[in-house]
């Protein structure tokens, strides 16, 4: 029987790597995205060119209807739901004293409310099926290591790790494991657009001597959604090449945060 996954934030970056990688493992994948339709279609095309099965669902995960539509599409197109990768989220840079209620509310709506509603909709379907499932949430190293101008973002990511622990307590007796992954510095289009030297600067202060890739996060997710991880639940796997162990940051990371904030840039991972 073919397994079926929902991956939110699948239009770019880590979300695309998760979508394409799980499809390569034989899962049918429902790709959730918000505004980046061209990126979502590119993810879909990569899966279909490799003879995988996938479908697209557009919507804001902070809206309950989107969470329900993701699950409904998995069931109507592929017959069931086995895996949820709740990856979609946004990052907004703002110093604590300048963080507006609008910024804070947007982060909470997408990162916390959206993740919670998507996990709830997926879990309800898994319980209905009666044969368990796997839920993986996306946190961040910023949940445990402070970086200037990311206080509100860090609050939401710490909340996601608490969410994984609490959902594990309620869902594990039903055969559903709930875990999180916490990526560190990861090379992608967004980070390179904000800083063309991103990979070199972060590799220089990372014990692994490089930055991460979407495939690095995929490796952790593959383990968590596989049969071997059936006794692993309520945990967060940090995928950062040892960065949180060292706790170092490039000397001008704060100035980068300020430039991004001033320019009004945001991490559109929900796309």
C-alpha atoms as a PDB file:
ATOM      1  CA  UNK A   1       0.000   0.000   0.000  1.00  0.00           C
ATOM      2  CA  UNK A   2       1.405   3.362  -1.027  1.00  0.00           C
ATOM      3  CA  UNK A   3       2.000   5.843   1.772  1.00  0.00           C
ATOM      4  CA  UNK A   4       0.806   9.424   1.392  1.00  0.00           C
ATOM      5  CA  UNK A   5       2.379  12.612   2.756  1.00  0.00           C
ATOM      6  CA  UNK A   6       1.344  16.247   3.071  1.00  0.00           C
ATOM      7  CA  UNK A   7       4.225  18.746   2.966  1.00  0.00           C
ATOM      8  CA  UNK A   8       3.434  22.396   3.635  1.00  0.00           C
ATOM      9  CA  UNK A   9       5.722  25.127   2.372  1.00  0.00           C
ATOM     10  CA  UNK A  10       6.748  22.927  -0.529  1.00  0.00           C
ATOM     11  CA  UNK A  11       7.351  25.567  -3.191  1.00  0.00           C
ATOM     12  CA  UNK A  12      10.999  26.287  -2.393  1.00  0.00           C
ATOM     13  CA  UNK A  13      14.011  25.426  -0.267  1.00  0.00           C
ATOM     14  CA  UNK A  14      13.703  22.801   2.442  1.00  0.00           C
ATOM     15  CA  UNK A  15      10.024  22.245   1.693  1.00  0.00           C
ATOM     16  CA  UNK A  16      10.824  21.384  -1.908  1.00  0.00           C
ATOM     17  CA  UNK A  17      13.592  19.011  -0.808  1.00  0.00           C
ATOM     18  CA  UNK A  18      11.166  17.247   1.534  1.00  0.00           C
ATOM     19  CA  UNK A  19       8.497  16.962  -1.166  1.00  0.00           C
ATOM     20  CA  UNK A  20      10.827  15.677  -3.867  1.00  0.00           C
ATOM     21  CA  UNK A  21      12.711  13.383  -1.491  1.00  0.00           C
ATOM     22  CA  UNK A  22       9.627  11.709  -0.013  1.00  0.00           C
ATOM     23  CA  UNK A  23       8.203  11.240  -3.514  1.00  0.00           C
ATOM     24  CA  UNK A  24      11.483   9.589  -4.527  1.00  0.00           C
ATOM     25  CA  UNK A  25      10.948   7.191  -1.607  1.00  0.00           C
ATOM     26  CA  UNK A  26       7.649   6.137  -3.140  1.00  0.00           C
ATOM     27  CA  UNK A  27       5.198   8.322  -1.218  1.00  0.00           C
ATOM     28  CA  UNK A  28       2.469  10.272  -2.961  1.00  0.00           C
ATOM     29  CA  UNK A  29       2.873  13.902  -1.870  1.00  0.00           C
ATOM     30  CA  UNK A  30       0.392  16.747  -1.462  1.00  0.00           C
ATOM     31  CA  UNK A  31       2.393  19.963  -1.783  1.00  0.00           C
ATOM     32  CA  UNK A  32       1.005  22.908   0.163  1.00  0.00           C
ATOM     33  CA  UNK A  33       1.993  26.431  -0.812  1.00  0.00           C
ATOM     34  CA  UNK A  34       0.799  29.993  -0.186  1.00  0.00           C
ATOM     35  CA  UNK A  35       1.757  32.551  -2.825  1.00  0.00           C
ATOM     36  CA  UNK A  36       4.579  31.079  -4.891  1.00  0.00           C
ATOM     37  CA  UNK A  37       2.604  29.236  -7.539  1.00  0.00           C
ATOM     38  CA  UNK A  38       5.512  29.012  -9.981  1.00  0.00           C
ATOM     39  CA  UNK A  39       7.750  27.494  -7.319  1.00  0.00           C
ATOM     40  CA  UNK A  40       5.061  24.985  -6.381  1.00  0.00           C
ATOM     41  CA  UNK A  41       4.647  23.972 -10.012  1.00  0.00           C
ATOM     42  CA  UNK A  42       8.413  23.501 -10.280  1.00  0.00           C
ATOM     43  CA  UNK A  43       8.317  21.164  -7.260  1.00  0.00           C
ATOM     44  CA  UNK A  44       5.431  19.261  -8.823  1.00  0.00           C
ATOM     45  CA  UNK A  45       7.269  19.021 -12.148  1.00  0.00           C
ATOM     46  CA  UNK A  46      10.398  17.644 -10.470  1.00  0.00           C
ATOM     47  CA  UNK A  47       8.336  14.902  -8.841  1.00  0.00           C
ATOM     48  CA  UNK A  48       6.404  14.005 -11.965  1.00  0.00           C
ATOM     49  CA  UNK A  49       9.538  13.938 -14.139  1.00  0.00           C
ATOM     50  CA  UNK A  50      10.909  11.325 -11.719  1.00  0.00           C
ATOM     51  CA  UNK A  51       7.646   9.368 -12.169  1.00  0.00           C
ATOM     52  CA  UNK A  52       6.368  10.263  -8.723  1.00  0.00           C
ATOM     53  CA  UNK A  53       2.826  11.194  -7.726  1.00  0.00           C
ATOM     54  CA  UNK A  54       1.910  14.590  -6.316  1.00  0.00           C
ATOM     55  CA  UNK A  55      -0.811  17.230  -6.106  1.00  0.00           C
ATOM     56  CA  UNK A  56      -0.847  20.943  -5.297  1.00  0.00           C
ATOM     57  CA  UNK A  57      -2.963  22.767  -2.707  1.00  0.00           C
ATOM     58  CA  UNK A  58      -2.833  26.556  -2.418  1.00  0.00           C
ATOM     59  CA  UNK A  59      -3.797  28.425   0.736  1.00  0.00           C
ATOM     60  CA  UNK A  60      -2.775  30.132   3.957  1.00  0.00           C
ATOM     61  CA  UNK A  61      -2.159  27.531   6.660  1.00  0.00           C
ATOM     62  CA  UNK A  62      -3.405  29.977   9.300  1.00  0.00           C
ATOM     63  CA  UNK A  63      -6.833  29.336   7.794  1.00  0.00           C
ATOM     64  CA  UNK A  64      -8.515  26.159   9.069  1.00  0.00           C
ATOM     65  CA  UNK A  65     -10.050  25.580   5.647  1.00  0.00           C
ATOM     66  CA  UNK A  66      -6.563  25.239   4.132  1.00  0.00           C
ATOM     67  CA  UNK A  67      -5.517  22.635   6.702  1.00  0.00           C
ATOM     68  CA  UNK A  68      -8.666  20.645   6.006  1.00  0.00           C
ATOM     69  CA  UNK A  69      -8.231  20.967   2.235  1.00  0.00           C
ATOM     70  CA  UNK A  70      -4.689  19.588   2.438  1.00  0.00           C
ATOM     71  CA  UNK A  71      -5.951  16.485   4.213  1.00  0.00           C
ATOM     72  CA  UNK A  72      -9.026  16.146   2.013  1.00  0.00           C
ATOM     73  CA  UNK A  73      -6.854  16.306  -1.117  1.00  0.00           C
ATOM     74  CA  UNK A  74      -4.576  13.552   0.200  1.00  0.00           C
ATOM     75  CA  UNK A  75      -7.599  11.332   0.807  1.00  0.00           C
ATOM     76  CA  UNK A  76      -9.502  12.142  -2.387  1.00  0.00           C
ATOM     77  CA  UNK A  77      -6.462  11.858  -4.682  1.00  0.00           C
ATOM     78  CA  UNK A  78      -4.478   9.095  -3.023  1.00  0.00           C
ATOM     79  CA  UNK A  79      -6.827   7.378  -0.577  1.00  0.00           C
ATOM     80  CA  UNK A  80      -5.238   8.092   2.800  1.00  0.00           C
ATOM     81  CA  UNK A  81      -2.751  10.129   4.846  1.00  0.00           C
ATOM     82  CA  UNK A  82       0.304   8.670   6.587  1.00  0.00           C
ATOM     83  CA  UNK A  83       2.801  11.521   6.985  1.00  0.00           C
ATOM     84  CA  UNK A  84       2.577  15.238   7.683  1.00  0.00           C
ATOM     85  CA  UNK A  85       5.598  17.514   7.320  1.00  0.00           C
ATOM     86  CA  UNK A  86       4.367  20.841   8.709  1.00  0.00           C
ATOM     87  CA  UNK A  87       7.184  22.927   7.314  1.00  0.00           C
ATOM     88  CA  UNK A  88       5.480  26.181   6.254  1.00  0.00           C
ATOM     89  CA  UNK A  89       6.391  29.294   8.195  1.00  0.00           C
ATOM     90  CA  UNK A  90       7.621  32.862   7.956  1.00  0.00           C
ATOM     91  CA  UNK A  91      10.601  34.688   9.442  1.00  0.00           C
ATOM     92  CA  UNK A  92      10.472  38.420  10.105  1.00  0.00           C
ATOM     93  CA  UNK A  93      13.426  40.403  11.421  1.00  0.00           C
ATOM     94  CA  UNK A  94      12.644  43.151  13.932  1.00  0.00           C
ATOM     95  CA  UNK A  95      14.431  44.369  17.080  1.00  0.00           C
ATOM     96  CA  UNK A  96      12.359  43.654  20.186  1.00  0.00           C
ATOM     97  CA  UNK A  97      11.658  47.332  20.930  1.00  0.00           C
ATOM     98  CA  UNK A  98      10.500  47.906  17.346  1.00  0.00           C
ATOM     99  CA  UNK A  99       8.406  44.745  16.874  1.00  0.00           C
ATOM    100  CA  UNK A 100       4.865  45.724  15.992  1.00  0.00           C
ATOM    101  CA  UNK A 101       1.724  43.857  16.904  1.00  0.00           C
ATOM    102  CA  UNK A 102       1.201  43.227  13.195  1.00  0.00           C
ATOM    103  CA  UNK A 103       4.595  41.521  12.914  1.00  0.00           C
ATOM    104  CA  UNK A 104       4.050  39.479  16.055  1.00  0.00           C
ATOM    105  CA  UNK A 105       0.533  38.442  15.036  1.00  0.00           C
ATOM    106  CA  UNK A 106       1.655  37.380  11.575  1.00  0.00           C
ATOM    107  CA  UNK A 107       4.393  35.174  12.994  1.00  0.00           C
ATOM    108  CA  UNK A 108       2.049  33.583  15.496  1.00  0.00           C
ATOM    109  CA  UNK A 109      -0.716  33.097  12.917  1.00  0.00           C
ATOM    110  CA  UNK A 110       1.486  31.260  10.440  1.00  0.00           C
ATOM    111  CA  UNK A 111       4.117  29.545  12.556  1.00  0.00           C
ATOM    112  CA  UNK A 112       2.037  28.528  15.568  1.00  0.00           C
ATOM    113  CA  UNK A 113      -1.632  28.608  14.574  1.00  0.00           C
ATOM    114  CA  UNK A 114      -0.943  27.271  11.086  1.00  0.00           C
ATOM    115  CA  UNK A 115       1.264  24.446  12.313  1.00  0.00           C
ATOM    116  CA  UNK A 116      -1.201  23.541  15.058  1.00  0.00           C
ATOM    117  CA  UNK A 117      -4.241  23.482  12.768  1.00  0.00           C
ATOM    118  CA  UNK A 118      -2.453  21.460  10.100  1.00  0.00           C
ATOM    119  CA  UNK A 119      -1.233  18.917  12.646  1.00  0.00           C
ATOM    120  CA  UNK A 120      -4.720  18.684  14.143  1.00  0.00           C
ATOM    121  CA  UNK A 121      -6.398  18.067  10.783  1.00  0.00           C
ATOM    122  CA  UNK A 122      -3.798  15.451   9.852  1.00  0.00           C
ATOM    123  CA  UNK A 123      -4.013  13.691  13.209  1.00  0.00           C
ATOM    124  CA  UNK A 124      -7.788  13.472  13.028  1.00  0.00           C
ATOM    125  CA  UNK A 125      -7.526  11.673   9.710  1.00  0.00           C
ATOM    126  CA  UNK A 126      -4.801   9.346  11.003  1.00  0.00           C
ATOM    127  CA  UNK A 127      -6.934   8.457  14.021  1.00  0.00           C
ATOM    128  CA  UNK A 128      -9.884   7.772  11.719  1.00  0.00           C
ATOM    129  CA  UNK A 129      -7.757   5.413   9.618  1.00  0.00           C
ATOM    130  CA  UNK A 130      -6.738   3.551  12.750  1.00  0.00           C
ATOM    131  CA  UNK A 131      -3.211   2.547  11.747  1.00  0.00           C
ATOM    132  CA  UNK A 132      -1.077   5.367  13.112  1.00  0.00           C
ATOM    133  CA  UNK A 133       1.004   7.953  11.327  1.00  0.00           C
ATOM    134  CA  UNK A 134       3.979  10.300  11.453  1.00  0.00           C
ATOM    135  CA  UNK A 135       3.924  14.057  12.097  1.00  0.00           C
ATOM    136  CA  UNK A 136       7.084  16.165  11.756  1.00  0.00           C
ATOM    137  CA  UNK A 137       7.045  19.878  12.609  1.00  0.00           C
ATOM    138  CA  UNK A 138       9.710  22.398  11.576  1.00  0.00           C
ATOM    139  CA  UNK A 139      11.353  24.402  14.335  1.00  0.00           C
ATOM    140  CA  UNK A 140      14.668  26.302  14.096  1.00  0.00           C
ATOM    141  CA  UNK A 141      17.950  26.635  15.932  1.00  0.00           C
ATOM    142  CA  UNK A 142      16.628  30.058  16.936  1.00  0.00           C
ATOM    143  CA  UNK A 143      14.340  28.249  19.368  1.00  0.00           C
ATOM    144  CA  UNK A 144      17.412  27.571  21.526  1.00  0.00           C
ATOM    145  CA  UNK A 145      20.109  30.073  20.498  1.00  0.00           C
ATOM    146  CA  UNK A 146      19.318  33.797  20.519  1.00  0.00           C
ATOM    147  CA  UNK A 147      19.995  35.953  17.479  1.00  0.00           C
ATOM    148  CA  UNK A 148      19.373  39.669  17.585  1.00  0.00           C
ATOM    149  CA  UNK A 149      16.197  40.915  15.870  1.00  0.00           C
ATOM    150  CA  UNK A 150      14.570  37.468  15.873  1.00  0.00           C
ATOM    151  CA  UNK A 151      12.887  37.426  19.301  1.00  0.00           C
ATOM    152  CA  UNK A 152       9.312  37.070  18.033  1.00  0.00           C
ATOM    153  CA  UNK A 153      10.309  34.424  15.503  1.00  0.00           C
ATOM    154  CA  UNK A 154      12.203  32.508  18.192  1.00  0.00           C
ATOM    155  CA  UNK A 155       9.131  32.528  20.435  1.00  0.00           C
ATOM    156  CA  UNK A 156       7.085  30.806  17.731  1.00  0.00           C
ATOM    157  CA  UNK A 157       9.747  28.214  17.018  1.00  0.00           C
ATOM    158  CA  UNK A 158      10.194  27.401  20.700  1.00  0.00           C
ATOM    159  CA  UNK A 159       6.422  26.987  20.786  1.00  0.00           C
ATOM    160  CA  UNK A 160       6.621  24.463  17.960  1.00  0.00           C
ATOM    161  CA  UNK A 161       9.048  22.321  19.939  1.00  0.00           C
ATOM    162  CA  UNK A 162       6.715  22.470  22.940  1.00  0.00           C
ATOM    163  CA  UNK A 163       3.886  21.551  20.587  1.00  0.00           C
ATOM    164  CA  UNK A 164       5.748  18.444  19.428  1.00  0.00           C
ATOM    165  CA  UNK A 165       6.245  17.283  23.004  1.00  0.00           C
ATOM    166  CA  UNK A 166       2.649  17.856  24.033  1.00  0.00           C
ATOM    167  CA  UNK A 167       1.110  16.335  20.911  1.00  0.00           C
ATOM    168  CA  UNK A 168       3.342  13.300  21.364  1.00  0.00           C
ATOM    169  CA  UNK A 169       1.842  12.693  24.801  1.00  0.00           C
ATOM    170  CA  UNK A 170      -1.688  12.690  23.394  1.00  0.00           C
ATOM    171  CA  UNK A 171      -1.129  11.019  20.041  1.00  0.00           C
ATOM    172  CA  UNK A 172       1.557   8.405  20.691  1.00  0.00           C
ATOM    173  CA  UNK A 173      -0.916   6.030  22.406  1.00  0.00           C
ATOM    174  CA  UNK A 174      -2.832   6.155  19.111  1.00  0.00           C
ATOM    175  CA  UNK A 175       0.216   5.094  17.086  1.00  0.00           C
ATOM    176  CA  UNK A 176       1.041   8.585  15.823  1.00  0.00           C
ATOM    177  CA  UNK A 177       4.547   9.873  16.500  1.00  0.00           C
ATOM    178  CA  UNK A 178       5.147  13.613  16.669  1.00  0.00           C
ATOM    179  CA  UNK A 179       8.628  15.088  16.371  1.00  0.00           C
ATOM    180  CA  UNK A 180      10.321  18.251  15.144  1.00  0.00           C
ATOM    181  CA  UNK A 181      13.395  19.142  13.141  1.00  0.00           C
ATOM    182  CA  UNK A 182      15.350  22.319  13.834  1.00  0.00           C
ATOM    183  CA  UNK A 183      17.433  23.412  10.835  1.00  0.00           C
ATOM    184  CA  UNK A 184      20.413  25.688  11.257  1.00  0.00           C
ATOM    185  CA  UNK A 185      22.066  27.778   8.545  1.00  0.00           C
ATOM    186  CA  UNK A 186      20.790  26.403   5.248  1.00  0.00           C
ATOM    187  CA  UNK A 187      21.699  27.550   1.770  1.00  0.00           C
ATOM    188  CA  UNK A 188      18.674  28.441  -0.323  1.00  0.00           C
ATOM    189  CA  UNK A 189      17.489  31.130  -2.720  1.00  0.00           C
ATOM    190  CA  UNK A 190      16.139  33.353   0.057  1.00  0.00           C
ATOM    191  CA  UNK A 191      19.342  33.400   2.095  1.00  0.00           C
ATOM    192  CA  UNK A 192      21.551  33.900  -0.941  1.00  0.00           C
ATOM    193  CA  UNK A 193      19.357  36.785  -2.104  1.00  0.00           C
ATOM    194  CA  UNK A 194      19.776  38.484   1.267  1.00  0.00           C
ATOM    195  CA  UNK A 195      23.505  37.769   1.445  1.00  0.00           C
ATOM    196  CA  UNK A 196      25.411  36.439  -1.606  1.00  0.00           C
ATOM    197  CA  UNK A 197      28.253  35.379   0.720  1.00  0.00           C
ATOM    198  CA  UNK A 198      25.871  33.523   3.055  1.00  0.00           C
ATOM    199  CA  UNK A 199      27.340  30.059   2.517  1.00  0.00           C
ATOM    200  CA  UNK A 200      30.940  31.146   2.991  1.00  0.00           C
ATOM    201  CA  UNK A 201      30.271  33.275   6.072  1.00  0.00           C
ATOM    202  CA  UNK A 202      28.296  30.624   7.915  1.00  0.00           C
ATOM    203  CA  UNK A 203      30.575  27.763   6.873  1.00  0.00           C
ATOM    204  CA  UNK A 204      33.482  29.637   8.441  1.00  0.00           C
ATOM    205  CA  UNK A 205      31.919  29.482  11.925  1.00  0.00           C
ATOM    206  CA  UNK A 206      30.225  26.090  11.669  1.00  0.00           C
ATOM    207  CA  UNK A 207      32.001  23.032  13.150  1.00  0.00           C
ATOM    208  CA  UNK A 208      30.963  21.042  10.055  1.00  0.00           C
ATOM    209  CA  UNK A 209      32.799  23.652   7.923  1.00  0.00           C
ATOM    210  CA  UNK A 210      29.795  24.073   5.630  1.00  0.00           C
ATOM    211  CA  UNK A 211      26.198  25.216   5.645  1.00  0.00           C
ATOM    212  CA  UNK A 212      23.278  22.843   5.487  1.00  0.00           C
ATOM    213  CA  UNK A 213      21.114  21.931   2.533  1.00  0.00           C
ATOM    214  CA  UNK A 214      17.520  20.859   2.167  1.00  0.00           C
ATOM    215  CA  UNK A 215      18.764  17.302   1.725  1.00  0.00           C
ATOM    216  CA  UNK A 216      20.360  17.417   5.181  1.00  0.00           C
ATOM    217  CA  UNK A 217      16.956  18.144   6.707  1.00  0.00           C
ATOM    218  CA  UNK A 218      15.385  15.534   4.448  1.00  0.00           C
ATOM    219  CA  UNK A 219      17.713  12.894   5.902  1.00  0.00           C
ATOM    220  CA  UNK A 220      16.407  13.563   9.412  1.00  0.00           C
ATOM    221  CA  UNK A 221      12.791  13.608   8.232  1.00  0.00           C
ATOM    222  CA  UNK A 222      13.250  10.336   6.330  1.00  0.00           C
ATOM    223  CA  UNK A 223      14.349   8.709   9.555  1.00  0.00           C
ATOM    224  CA  UNK A 224      11.496  10.149  11.616  1.00  0.00           C
ATOM    225  CA  UNK A 225       8.801   9.054   9.166  1.00  0.00           C
ATOM    226  CA  UNK A 226      10.269   5.594   8.653  1.00  0.00           C
ATOM    227  CA  UNK A 227       9.516   2.334  10.417  1.00  0.00           C
ATOM    228  CA  UNK A 228      12.782   2.477  12.378  1.00  0.00           C
ATOM    229  CA  UNK A 229      11.636   5.577  14.285  1.00  0.00           C
ATOM    230  CA  UNK A 230       8.421   4.134  15.635  1.00  0.00           C
ATOM    231  CA  UNK A 231       9.651   4.519  19.230  1.00  0.00           C
ATOM    232  CA  UNK A 232      10.945   8.079  18.717  1.00  0.00           C
ATOM    233  CA  UNK A 233       8.351  10.707  19.654  1.00  0.00           C
ATOM    234  CA  UNK A 234       8.229  14.096  21.338  1.00  0.00           C
ATOM    235  CA  UNK A 235      11.777  14.916  20.238  1.00  0.00           C
ATOM    236  CA  UNK A 236      13.510  17.641  18.246  1.00  0.00           C
ATOM    237  CA  UNK A 237      16.413  16.750  15.971  1.00  0.00           C
ATOM    238  CA  UNK A 238      18.744  19.697  15.395  1.00  0.00           C
ATOM    239  CA  UNK A 239      20.189  19.713  11.871  1.00  0.00           C
ATOM    240  CA  UNK A 240      22.894  22.350  12.058  1.00  0.00           C
ATOM    241  CA  UNK A 241      26.360  20.810  11.612  1.00  0.00           C
ATOM    242  CA  UNK A 242      27.135  21.468  15.280  1.00  0.00           C
ATOM    243  CA  UNK A 243      26.425  25.203  15.195  1.00  0.00           C
ATOM    244  CA  UNK A 244      24.335  25.283  18.371  1.00  0.00           C
ATOM    245  CA  UNK A 245      27.102  23.393  20.175  1.00  0.00           C
ATOM    246  CA  UNK A 246      29.591  26.120  19.244  1.00  0.00           C
ATOM    247  CA  UNK A 247      27.142  29.036  19.471  1.00  0.00           C
ATOM    248  CA  UNK A 248      29.090  31.316  17.169  1.00  0.00           C
ATOM    249  CA  UNK A 249      27.654  33.754  14.629  1.00  0.00           C
ATOM    250  CA  UNK A 250      29.261  35.746  11.817  1.00  0.00           C
ATOM    251  CA  UNK A 251      30.416  39.118  13.098  1.00  0.00           C
ATOM    252  CA  UNK A 252      28.005  41.088  10.974  1.00  0.00           C
ATOM    253  CA  UNK A 253      24.902  38.898  11.343  1.00  0.00           C
ATOM    254  CA  UNK A 254      23.196  41.688  13.271  1.00  0.00           C
ATOM    255  CA  UNK A 255      23.853  44.182  10.513  1.00  0.00           C
ATOM    256  CA  UNK A 256      22.424  41.687   8.021  1.00  0.00           C
ATOM    257  CA  UNK A 257      19.274  41.420  10.147  1.00  0.00           C
ATOM    258  CA  UNK A 258      19.015  45.204  10.178  1.00  0.00           C
ATOM    259  CA  UNK A 259      19.403  45.423   6.401  1.00  0.00           C
ATOM    260  CA  UNK A 260      16.711  42.817   5.872  1.00  0.00           C
ATOM    261  CA  UNK A 261      14.368  44.513   8.338  1.00  0.00           C
ATOM    262  CA  UNK A 262      14.889  47.924   6.767  1.00  0.00           C
ATOM    263  CA  UNK A 263      14.309  46.522   3.294  1.00  0.00           C
ATOM    264  CA  UNK A 264      11.108  44.875   4.459  1.00  0.00           C
ATOM    265  CA  UNK A 265      12.313  41.422   3.482  1.00  0.00           C
ATOM    266  CA  UNK A 266      10.700  38.336   4.976  1.00  0.00           C
ATOM    267  CA  UNK A 267      11.275  34.629   4.814  1.00  0.00           C
ATOM    268  CA  UNK A 268       8.419  33.286   2.661  1.00  0.00           C
ATOM    269  CA  UNK A 269       8.837  29.644   3.635  1.00  0.00           C
ATOM    270  CA  UNK A 270       5.095  29.258   3.613  1.00  0.00           C
ATOM    271  CA  UNK A 271       5.367  29.488  -0.151  1.00  0.00           C
END
